[in-house]
Amino acid sequence: MKRIISAWIEQFIEFDSEMEYAVFEQDLKNSNKKYRIISKDKLSDGKYRIHLKRQYNKNIFPEEGVTL
């Protein structure tokens, strides 16, 4: 029988403003799911782009640097 050991969602998201990003980040902090922001960049047009990984459903989300 197969079994999922670990799973996450990896996303690249672009925000029109720093405020929009700040609201999103606060929502992440308030959620019960684990996440890791890999990178955050301010683009030349003033937008923000982030690369993040977040827990998928109730699957195990490995700590940084941990290999399963």
N, C-alpha and C. Protein backbone atom coordinates (compact mmCIF):
# COMPACT_ATOMS: atom_id res chain seq x y z
N MET A 1 0.84 -1.17 0.00
CA MET A 1 0.00 0.00 0.00
C MET A 1 0.89 1.24 0.00
N LYS A 2 0.55 2.20 -0.83
CA LYS A 2 1.34 3.42 -0.87
C LYS A 2 0.89 4.37 0.23
N ARG A 3 1.82 5.24 0.67
CA ARG A 3 1.52 6.20 1.72
C ARG A 3 2.33 7.46 1.46
N ILE A 4 1.67 8.60 1.50
CA ILE A 4 2.38 9.87 1.34
C ILE A 4 3.12 10.17 2.63
N ILE A 5 4.41 10.37 2.53
CA ILE A 5 5.24 10.64 3.70
C ILE A 5 5.27 12.13 4.00
N SER A 6 5.37 12.93 2.96
CA SER A 6 5.48 14.37 3.12
C SER A 6 4.94 15.04 1.86
N ALA A 7 4.30 16.20 2.02
CA ALA A 7 3.78 16.90 0.86
C ALA A 7 3.67 18.39 1.16
N TRP A 8 3.91 19.19 0.13
CA TRP A 8 3.77 20.64 0.26
C TRP A 8 3.41 21.24 -1.07
N ILE A 9 2.97 22.49 -1.01
CA ILE A 9 2.65 23.25 -2.21
C ILE A 9 3.77 24.26 -2.38
N GLU A 10 4.30 24.35 -3.58
CA GLU A 10 5.35 25.34 -3.88
C GLU A 10 4.74 26.37 -4.82
N GLN A 11 4.87 27.65 -4.45
CA GLN A 11 4.23 28.71 -5.21
C GLN A 11 5.18 29.88 -5.46
N PHE A 12 4.91 30.57 -6.56
CA PHE A 12 5.53 31.86 -6.87
C PHE A 12 4.36 32.83 -6.99
N ILE A 13 4.33 33.84 -6.14
CA ILE A 13 3.19 34.77 -6.10
C ILE A 13 3.70 36.19 -6.27
N GLU A 14 2.99 36.98 -7.07
CA GLU A 14 3.36 38.38 -7.30
C GLU A 14 2.27 39.28 -6.70
N PHE A 15 2.71 40.30 -5.95
CA PHE A 15 1.81 41.24 -5.30
C PHE A 15 2.02 42.63 -5.87
N ASP A 16 0.94 43.40 -5.98
CA ASP A 16 1.02 44.74 -6.52
C ASP A 16 1.69 45.74 -5.58
N SER A 17 1.66 45.45 -4.27
CA SER A 17 2.25 46.39 -3.31
C SER A 17 2.81 45.64 -2.11
N GLU A 18 3.63 46.34 -1.33
CA GLU A 18 4.18 45.75 -0.13
C GLU A 18 3.06 45.49 0.90
N MET A 19 2.06 46.37 0.92
CA MET A 19 0.94 46.20 1.85
C MET A 19 0.17 44.93 1.54
N GLU A 20 -0.06 44.67 0.27
CA GLU A 20 -0.77 43.45 -0.13
C GLU A 20 0.01 42.22 0.32
N TYR A 21 1.33 42.27 0.14
CA TYR A 21 2.19 41.17 0.59
C TYR A 21 2.13 41.03 2.11
N ALA A 22 2.17 42.15 2.85
CA ALA A 22 2.14 42.11 4.31
C ALA A 22 0.86 41.46 4.83
N VAL A 23 -0.26 41.76 4.21
CA VAL A 23 -1.54 41.15 4.60
C VAL A 23 -1.49 39.64 4.36
N PHE A 24 -0.96 39.24 3.21
CA PHE A 24 -0.84 37.82 2.88
C PHE A 24 0.05 37.11 3.89
N GLU A 25 1.18 37.72 4.21
CA GLU A 25 2.11 37.10 5.16
C GLU A 25 1.48 36.98 6.54
N GLN A 26 0.72 37.97 6.97
CA GLN A 26 0.04 37.90 8.26
C GLN A 26 -0.99 36.78 8.27
N ASP A 27 -1.70 36.61 7.17
CA ASP A 27 -2.65 35.51 7.06
C ASP A 27 -1.95 34.15 7.17
N LEU A 28 -0.76 34.05 6.57
CA LEU A 28 0.02 32.81 6.70
C LEU A 28 0.39 32.56 8.16
N LYS A 29 0.84 33.60 8.84
CA LYS A 29 1.25 33.46 10.24
C LYS A 29 0.07 33.05 11.12
N ASN A 30 -1.13 33.52 10.79
CA ASN A 30 -2.32 33.22 11.59
C ASN A 30 -2.91 31.84 11.29
N SER A 31 -2.50 31.25 10.19
CA SER A 31 -3.03 29.93 9.82
C SER A 31 -2.34 28.85 10.65
N ASN A 32 -2.93 27.67 10.65
CA ASN A 32 -2.37 26.55 11.40
C ASN A 32 -1.39 25.73 10.57
N LYS A 33 -1.17 26.15 9.34
CA LYS A 33 -0.29 25.38 8.46
C LYS A 33 1.13 25.96 8.49
N LYS A 34 2.08 25.07 8.36
CA LYS A 34 3.49 25.49 8.32
C LYS A 34 3.82 26.00 6.93
N TYR A 35 4.81 26.89 6.87
CA TYR A 35 5.23 27.44 5.58
C TYR A 35 6.68 27.91 5.69
N ARG A 36 7.29 28.13 4.54
CA ARG A 36 8.65 28.66 4.47
C ARG A 36 8.74 29.58 3.27
N ILE A 37 9.10 30.83 3.50
CA ILE A 37 9.33 31.77 2.40
C ILE A 37 10.76 31.57 1.94
N ILE A 38 10.91 31.15 0.70
CA ILE A 38 12.22 30.85 0.13
C ILE A 38 12.91 32.14 -0.30
N SER A 39 12.16 33.02 -0.96
CA SER A 39 12.73 34.30 -1.38
C SER A 39 11.64 35.35 -1.51
N LYS A 40 12.04 36.59 -1.37
CA LYS A 40 11.14 37.74 -1.53
C LYS A 40 11.92 38.79 -2.30
N ASP A 41 11.39 39.23 -3.44
CA ASP A 41 12.08 40.20 -4.28
C ASP A 41 11.18 41.38 -4.59
N LYS A 42 11.75 42.56 -4.56
CA LYS A 42 11.04 43.76 -5.02
C LYS A 42 11.44 43.98 -6.47
N LEU A 43 10.45 44.02 -7.34
CA LEU A 43 10.71 44.16 -8.77
C LEU A 43 10.86 45.63 -9.15
N SER A 44 11.40 45.90 -10.31
CA SER A 44 11.65 47.27 -10.75
C SER A 44 10.37 48.09 -10.91
N ASP A 45 9.24 47.43 -11.12
CA ASP A 45 7.97 48.14 -11.26
C ASP A 45 7.25 48.34 -9.92
N GLY A 46 7.93 48.00 -8.81
CA GLY A 46 7.37 48.21 -7.48
C GLY A 46 6.59 47.03 -6.93
N LYS A 47 6.40 45.99 -7.73
CA LYS A 47 5.69 44.81 -7.27
C LYS A 47 6.62 43.92 -6.45
N TYR A 48 6.02 43.01 -5.69
CA TYR A 48 6.78 42.06 -4.89
C TYR A 48 6.49 40.66 -5.38
N ARG A 49 7.53 39.84 -5.46
CA ARG A 49 7.38 38.45 -5.88
C ARG A 49 7.99 37.57 -4.80
N ILE A 50 7.22 36.57 -4.38
CA ILE A 50 7.75 35.64 -3.39
C ILE A 50 7.71 34.21 -3.92
N HIS A 51 8.62 33.44 -3.39
CA HIS A 51 8.68 32.00 -3.65
C HIS A 51 8.49 31.36 -2.28
N LEU A 52 7.46 30.53 -2.14
CA LEU A 52 7.23 29.91 -0.85
C LEU A 52 6.79 28.47 -0.99
N LYS A 53 6.96 27.75 0.11
CA LYS A 53 6.47 26.39 0.24
C LYS A 53 5.55 26.40 1.44
N ARG A 54 4.39 25.73 1.30
CA ARG A 54 3.50 25.63 2.45
C ARG A 54 2.93 24.23 2.54
N GLN A 55 2.59 23.88 3.75
CA GLN A 55 2.07 22.56 4.07
C GLN A 55 0.82 22.26 3.25
N TYR A 56 0.74 21.04 2.76
CA TYR A 56 -0.42 20.59 2.00
C TYR A 56 -1.30 19.73 2.91
N ASN A 57 -2.52 20.19 3.12
CA ASN A 57 -3.46 19.50 4.01
C ASN A 57 -2.79 19.24 5.36
N LYS A 58 -2.84 18.02 5.84
CA LYS A 58 -2.24 17.71 7.15
C LYS A 58 -0.99 16.85 6.99
N ASN A 59 -0.41 16.87 5.79
CA ASN A 59 0.80 16.10 5.55
C ASN A 59 1.97 16.71 6.32
N ILE A 60 2.96 15.90 6.55
CA ILE A 60 4.18 16.36 7.24
C ILE A 60 4.88 17.39 6.35
N PHE A 61 5.28 18.48 6.96
CA PHE A 61 6.05 19.52 6.27
C PHE A 61 7.44 19.51 6.89
N PRO A 62 8.46 19.05 6.15
CA PRO A 62 9.78 18.89 6.75
C PRO A 62 10.42 20.22 7.13
N GLU A 63 11.16 20.19 8.22
CA GLU A 63 11.93 21.36 8.63
C GLU A 63 13.03 21.59 7.60
N GLU A 64 13.53 22.82 7.54
CA GLU A 64 14.57 23.16 6.58
C GLU A 64 15.80 22.30 6.79
N GLY A 65 16.30 21.73 5.71
CA GLY A 65 17.51 20.92 5.76
C GLY A 65 17.29 19.47 6.17
N VAL A 66 16.06 19.08 6.47
CA VAL A 66 15.76 17.72 6.89
C VAL A 66 15.40 16.89 5.66
N THR A 67 16.03 15.75 5.53
CA THR A 67 15.73 14.82 4.44
C THR A 67 14.95 13.66 5.01
N LEU A 68 13.86 13.32 4.37
CA LEU A 68 13.03 12.20 4.86
C LEU A 68 13.53 10.89 4.33
